[in-house]
C-alpha atoms as a PDB file:
ATOM      1  CA  UNK A   1     -19.172 -14.019  -9.105  1.00  0.00           C
ATOM      2  CA  UNK A   2     -17.072 -11.878  -6.657  1.00  0.00           C
ATOM      3  CA  UNK A   3     -15.232 -14.769  -5.093  1.00  0.00           C
ATOM      4  CA  UNK A   4     -14.534 -16.336  -8.463  1.00  0.00           C
ATOM      5  CA  UNK A   5     -13.741 -13.122 -10.025  1.00  0.00           C
ATOM      6  CA  UNK A   6     -10.752 -12.480  -7.197  1.00  0.00           C
ATOM      7  CA  UNK A   7      -9.851 -16.181  -7.218  1.00  0.00           C
ATOM      8  CA  UNK A   8      -8.728 -15.391 -11.284  1.00  0.00           C
ATOM      9  CA  UNK A   9      -6.757 -11.952  -9.884  1.00  0.00           C
ATOM     10  CA  UNK A  10      -5.043 -14.145  -7.243  1.00  0.00           C
ATOM     11  CA  UNK A  11      -3.970 -16.834  -9.846  1.00  0.00           C
ATOM     12  CA  UNK A  12      -2.775 -14.457 -12.371  1.00  0.00           C
ATOM     13  CA  UNK A  13      -0.982 -12.808  -9.344  1.00  0.00           C
ATOM     14  CA  UNK A  14       0.264 -16.407  -8.457  1.00  0.00           C
ATOM     15  CA  UNK A  15       1.652 -17.236 -11.738  1.00  0.00           C
ATOM     16  CA  UNK A  16       3.321 -13.832 -12.443  1.00  0.00           C
ATOM     17  CA  UNK A  17       4.716 -14.403  -8.898  1.00  0.00           C
ATOM     18  CA  UNK A  18       5.572 -18.023 -10.203  1.00  0.00           C
ATOM     19  CA  UNK A  19       7.297 -16.979 -13.716  1.00  0.00           C
ATOM     20  CA  UNK A  20       9.848 -14.367 -11.548  1.00  0.00           C
ATOM     21  CA  UNK A  21      10.896 -17.202  -9.351  1.00  0.00           C
ATOM     22  CA  UNK A  22      11.348 -19.407 -12.646  1.00  0.00           C
ATOM     23  CA  UNK A  23      13.143 -17.026 -14.592  1.00  0.00           C
ATOM     24  CA  UNK A  24      15.642 -16.444 -12.388  1.00  0.00           C
ATOM     25  CA  UNK A  25      17.616 -20.156 -13.180  1.00  0.00           C
ATOM     26  CA  UNK A  26      18.431 -18.478 -16.646  1.00  0.00           C
ATOM     27  CA  UNK A  27      21.597 -17.705 -17.440  1.00  0.00           C
ATOM     28  CA  UNK A  28      22.416 -14.953 -17.954  1.00  0.00           C
ATOM     29  CA  UNK A  29      18.857 -13.928 -15.632  1.00  0.00           C
ATOM     30  CA  UNK A  30      16.769 -11.738 -17.481  1.00  0.00           C
ATOM     31  CA  UNK A  31      16.251  -8.909 -14.120  1.00  0.00           C
ATOM     32  CA  UNK A  32      13.870  -6.726 -15.709  1.00  0.00           C
ATOM     33  CA  UNK A  33      11.601  -9.395 -16.763  1.00  0.00           C
ATOM     34  CA  UNK A  34      11.892 -10.548 -13.549  1.00  0.00           C
ATOM     35  CA  UNK A  35      11.285  -7.261 -11.766  1.00  0.00           C
ATOM     36  CA  UNK A  36       8.381  -6.846 -14.416  1.00  0.00           C
ATOM     37  CA  UNK A  37       6.867  -9.725 -13.321  1.00  0.00           C
ATOM     38  CA  UNK A  38       7.479  -8.903  -9.636  1.00  0.00           C
ATOM     39  CA  UNK A  39       5.325  -5.566 -10.036  1.00  0.00           C
ATOM     40  CA  UNK A  40       2.482  -7.631 -12.003  1.00  0.00           C
ATOM     41  CA  UNK A  41       1.947 -10.015  -9.218  1.00  0.00           C
ATOM     42  CA  UNK A  42       1.886  -7.122  -6.714  1.00  0.00           C
ATOM     43  CA  UNK A  43      -0.492  -5.071  -8.913  1.00  0.00           C
ATOM     44  CA  UNK A  44      -2.700  -7.938  -9.231  1.00  0.00           C
ATOM     45  CA  UNK A  45      -3.037  -9.280  -5.602  1.00  0.00           C
ATOM     46  CA  UNK A  46      -4.135  -5.252  -4.619  1.00  0.00           C
ATOM     47  CA  UNK A  47      -6.776  -4.924  -7.632  1.00  0.00           C
ATOM     48  CA  UNK A  48      -8.074  -8.563  -6.201  1.00  0.00           C
ATOM     49  CA  UNK A  49      -8.068  -7.199  -2.587  1.00  0.00           C
ATOM     50  CA  UNK A  50     -10.219  -4.170  -4.149  1.00  0.00           C
ATOM     51  CA  UNK A  51     -12.578  -6.110  -6.064  1.00  0.00           C
ATOM     52  CA  UNK A  52     -12.798  -8.418  -3.150  1.00  0.00           C
ATOM     53  CA  UNK A  53     -13.965  -5.208  -1.558  1.00  0.00           C
ATOM     54  CA  UNK A  54     -16.419  -3.849  -3.508  1.00  0.00           C
ATOM     55  CA  UNK A  55     -14.369  -1.901  -6.567  1.00  0.00           C
ATOM     56  CA  UNK A  56     -15.166  -4.126  -9.425  1.00  0.00           C
ATOM     57  CA  UNK A  57     -13.464  -2.031 -11.882  1.00  0.00           C
ATOM     58  CA  UNK A  58     -10.133  -1.115 -10.143  1.00  0.00           C
ATOM     59  CA  UNK A  59      -8.150   1.721 -12.011  1.00  0.00           C
ATOM     60  CA  UNK A  60      -6.297   0.772 -14.774  1.00  0.00           C
ATOM     61  CA  UNK A  61      -2.734   1.716 -13.669  1.00  0.00           C
ATOM     62  CA  UNK A  62       0.313   0.302 -12.947  1.00  0.00           C
ATOM     63  CA  UNK A  63       1.050   2.537 -10.137  1.00  0.00           C
ATOM     64  CA  UNK A  64       1.160   0.568  -6.774  1.00  0.00           C
ATOM     65  CA  UNK A  65       1.187   3.710  -4.768  1.00  0.00           C
ATOM     66  CA  UNK A  66      -2.226   4.687  -5.626  1.00  0.00           C
ATOM     67  CA  UNK A  67      -3.769   0.963  -5.269  1.00  0.00           C
ATOM     68  CA  UNK A  68      -1.884   0.729  -2.022  1.00  0.00           C
ATOM     69  CA  UNK A  69      -3.449   3.869  -0.943  1.00  0.00           C
ATOM     70  CA  UNK A  70      -7.055   2.609  -2.305  1.00  0.00           C
ATOM     71  CA  UNK A  71      -6.406  -0.303   0.009  1.00  0.00           C
ATOM     72  CA  UNK A  72      -6.024   2.021   3.027  1.00  0.00           C
ATOM     73  CA  UNK A  73      -9.743   2.592   2.593  1.00  0.00           C
ATOM     74  CA  UNK A  74     -10.612  -0.870   3.748  1.00  0.00           C
ATOM     75  CA  UNK A  75      -7.588  -1.790   6.185  1.00  0.00           C
ATOM     76  CA  UNK A  76      -4.861   0.829   7.042  1.00  0.00           C
ATOM     77  CA  UNK A  77      -2.658  -1.526   7.628  1.00  0.00           C
ATOM     78  CA  UNK A  78      -1.799  -1.721   4.335  1.00  0.00           C
ATOM     79  CA  UNK A  79       0.804   1.085   4.916  1.00  0.00           C
ATOM     80  CA  UNK A  80       3.125  -1.991   6.209  1.00  0.00           C
ATOM     81  CA  UNK A  81       3.847  -2.711   2.356  1.00  0.00           C
ATOM     82  CA  UNK A  82       3.784   0.918   1.392  1.00  0.00           C
ATOM     83  CA  UNK A  83       7.656   0.552   0.729  1.00  0.00           C
ATOM     84  CA  UNK A  84       7.587  -2.747  -1.366  1.00  0.00           C
ATOM     85  CA  UNK A  85       4.524  -0.937  -3.416  1.00  0.00           C
ATOM     86  CA  UNK A  86       6.740   2.180  -4.042  1.00  0.00           C
ATOM     87  CA  UNK A  87       9.507   0.163  -5.188  1.00  0.00           C
ATOM     88  CA  UNK A  88       7.617  -2.164  -7.283  1.00  0.00           C
ATOM     89  CA  UNK A  89       6.060   0.718  -9.367  1.00  0.00           C
ATOM     90  CA  UNK A  90       8.900   1.708 -10.709  1.00  0.00           C
ATOM     91  CA  UNK A  91       8.894  -2.179 -12.654  1.00  0.00           C
ATOM     92  CA  UNK A  92       5.675  -1.759 -14.245  1.00  0.00           C
ATOM     93  CA  UNK A  93       6.587   0.380 -17.451  1.00  0.00           C
ATOM     94  CA  UNK A  94      10.177   1.309 -17.533  1.00  0.00           C
ATOM     95  CA  UNK A  95      11.805  -2.174 -17.665  1.00  0.00           C
ATOM     96  CA  UNK A  96       9.377  -3.160 -21.017  1.00  0.00           C
ATOM     97  CA  UNK A  97      11.665  -0.746 -22.986  1.00  0.00           C
ATOM     98  CA  UNK A  98      15.269  -0.672 -23.607  1.00  0.00           C
ATOM     99  CA  UNK A  99      17.674   1.881 -22.127  1.00  0.00           C
ATOM    100  CA  UNK A 100      14.993   3.021 -19.642  1.00  0.00           C
ATOM    101  CA  UNK A 101      16.571   2.059 -16.210  1.00  0.00           C
ATOM    102  CA  UNK A 102      19.193   0.168 -14.895  1.00  0.00           C
ATOM    103  CA  UNK A 103      18.831  -2.979 -13.055  1.00  0.00           C
ATOM    104  CA  UNK A 104      20.996  -5.101 -10.815  1.00  0.00           C
ATOM    105  CA  UNK A 105      20.826  -8.282  -9.267  1.00  0.00           C
ATOM    106  CA  UNK A 106      20.306  -6.811  -5.795  1.00  0.00           C
ATOM    107  CA  UNK A 107      17.440  -4.545  -7.636  1.00  0.00           C
ATOM    108  CA  UNK A 108      15.815  -8.115  -8.551  1.00  0.00           C
ATOM    109  CA  UNK A 109      16.197  -9.823  -5.446  1.00  0.00           C
ATOM    110  CA  UNK A 110      14.569  -7.140  -3.650  1.00  0.00           C
ATOM    111  CA  UNK A 111      11.848  -7.044  -6.204  1.00  0.00           C
ATOM    112  CA  UNK A 112      11.396 -10.965  -5.208  1.00  0.00           C
ATOM    113  CA  UNK A 113      11.865 -10.162  -1.630  1.00  0.00           C
ATOM    114  CA  UNK A 114       8.737  -7.302  -2.199  1.00  0.00           C
ATOM    115  CA  UNK A 115       6.574  -8.987  -4.193  1.00  0.00           C
ATOM    116  CA  UNK A 116       6.273 -12.257  -1.818  1.00  0.00           C
ATOM    117  CA  UNK A 117       6.036  -9.724   0.896  1.00  0.00           C
ATOM    118  CA  UNK A 118       3.022  -8.541  -0.512  1.00  0.00           C
ATOM    119  CA  UNK A 119       1.768 -12.113  -1.531  1.00  0.00           C
ATOM    120  CA  UNK A 120       2.294 -13.001   1.954  1.00  0.00           C
ATOM    121  CA  UNK A 121       0.606  -9.967   3.256  1.00  0.00           C
ATOM    122  CA  UNK A 122      -1.704 -10.778   6.436  1.00  0.00           C
ATOM    123  CA  UNK A 123      -5.009  -8.865   5.288  1.00  0.00           C
ATOM    124  CA  UNK A 124      -4.449 -10.837   1.463  1.00  0.00           C
ATOM    125  CA  UNK A 125      -2.866 -14.026   2.730  1.00  0.00           C
ATOM    126  CA  UNK A 126      -6.186 -14.300   4.803  1.00  0.00           C
ATOM    127  CA  UNK A 127      -8.276 -13.370   1.405  1.00  0.00           C
ATOM    128  CA  UNK A 128      -6.055 -16.490  -0.498  1.00  0.00           C
ATOM    129  CA  UNK A 129      -7.108 -18.669   2.375  1.00  0.00           C
ATOM    130  CA  UNK A 130     -10.541 -18.102   1.997  1.00  0.00           C
ATOM    131  CA  UNK A 131     -10.793 -18.321  -1.402  1.00  0.00           C
ATOM    132  CA  UNK A 132      -8.847 -21.648  -1.604  1.00  0.00           C
ATOM    133  CA  UNK A 133     -11.493 -23.556   0.821  1.00  0.00           C
ATOM    134  CA  UNK A 134     -14.260 -21.944  -1.062  1.00  0.00           C
ATOM    135  CA  UNK A 135     -12.775 -23.386  -4.102  1.00  0.00           C
ATOM    136  CA  UNK A 136     -12.174 -26.980  -2.179  1.00  0.00           C
ATOM    137  CA  UNK A 137     -15.518 -27.105  -1.440  1.00  0.00           C
ATOM    138  CA  UNK A 138     -16.972 -26.540  -4.817  1.00  0.00           C
ATOM    139  CA  UNK A 139     -15.284 -29.490  -6.504  1.00  0.00           C
END
């Protein structure tokens, strides 16, 4: 159950990032929504990692700083994505409401960069690889 559950979280994370990338093709680009999907992607990767490590009910928070800190307990190399988590945290709530924050194209590009960095971060990439091998062996 745990591997399947983690795979679901990672699948949703992948979809959030793919949605952000797809929305980049719109004109005008919905910068706030793209940044929001980047944050959501990172949040789901981190929660999936926590579930993999036995925290079956990760905190119901959009604060990536807190989630990243919890990941430190399992692997202190998560400090490498601390800045990415900090920047993306701001996009978890504010962009969903008018006049909450001003986002520019540069911010969107950085959000995409940071979301991809978290997706490709070694401990998460290894786990994604293991999950995908397990899924291919199940079929």
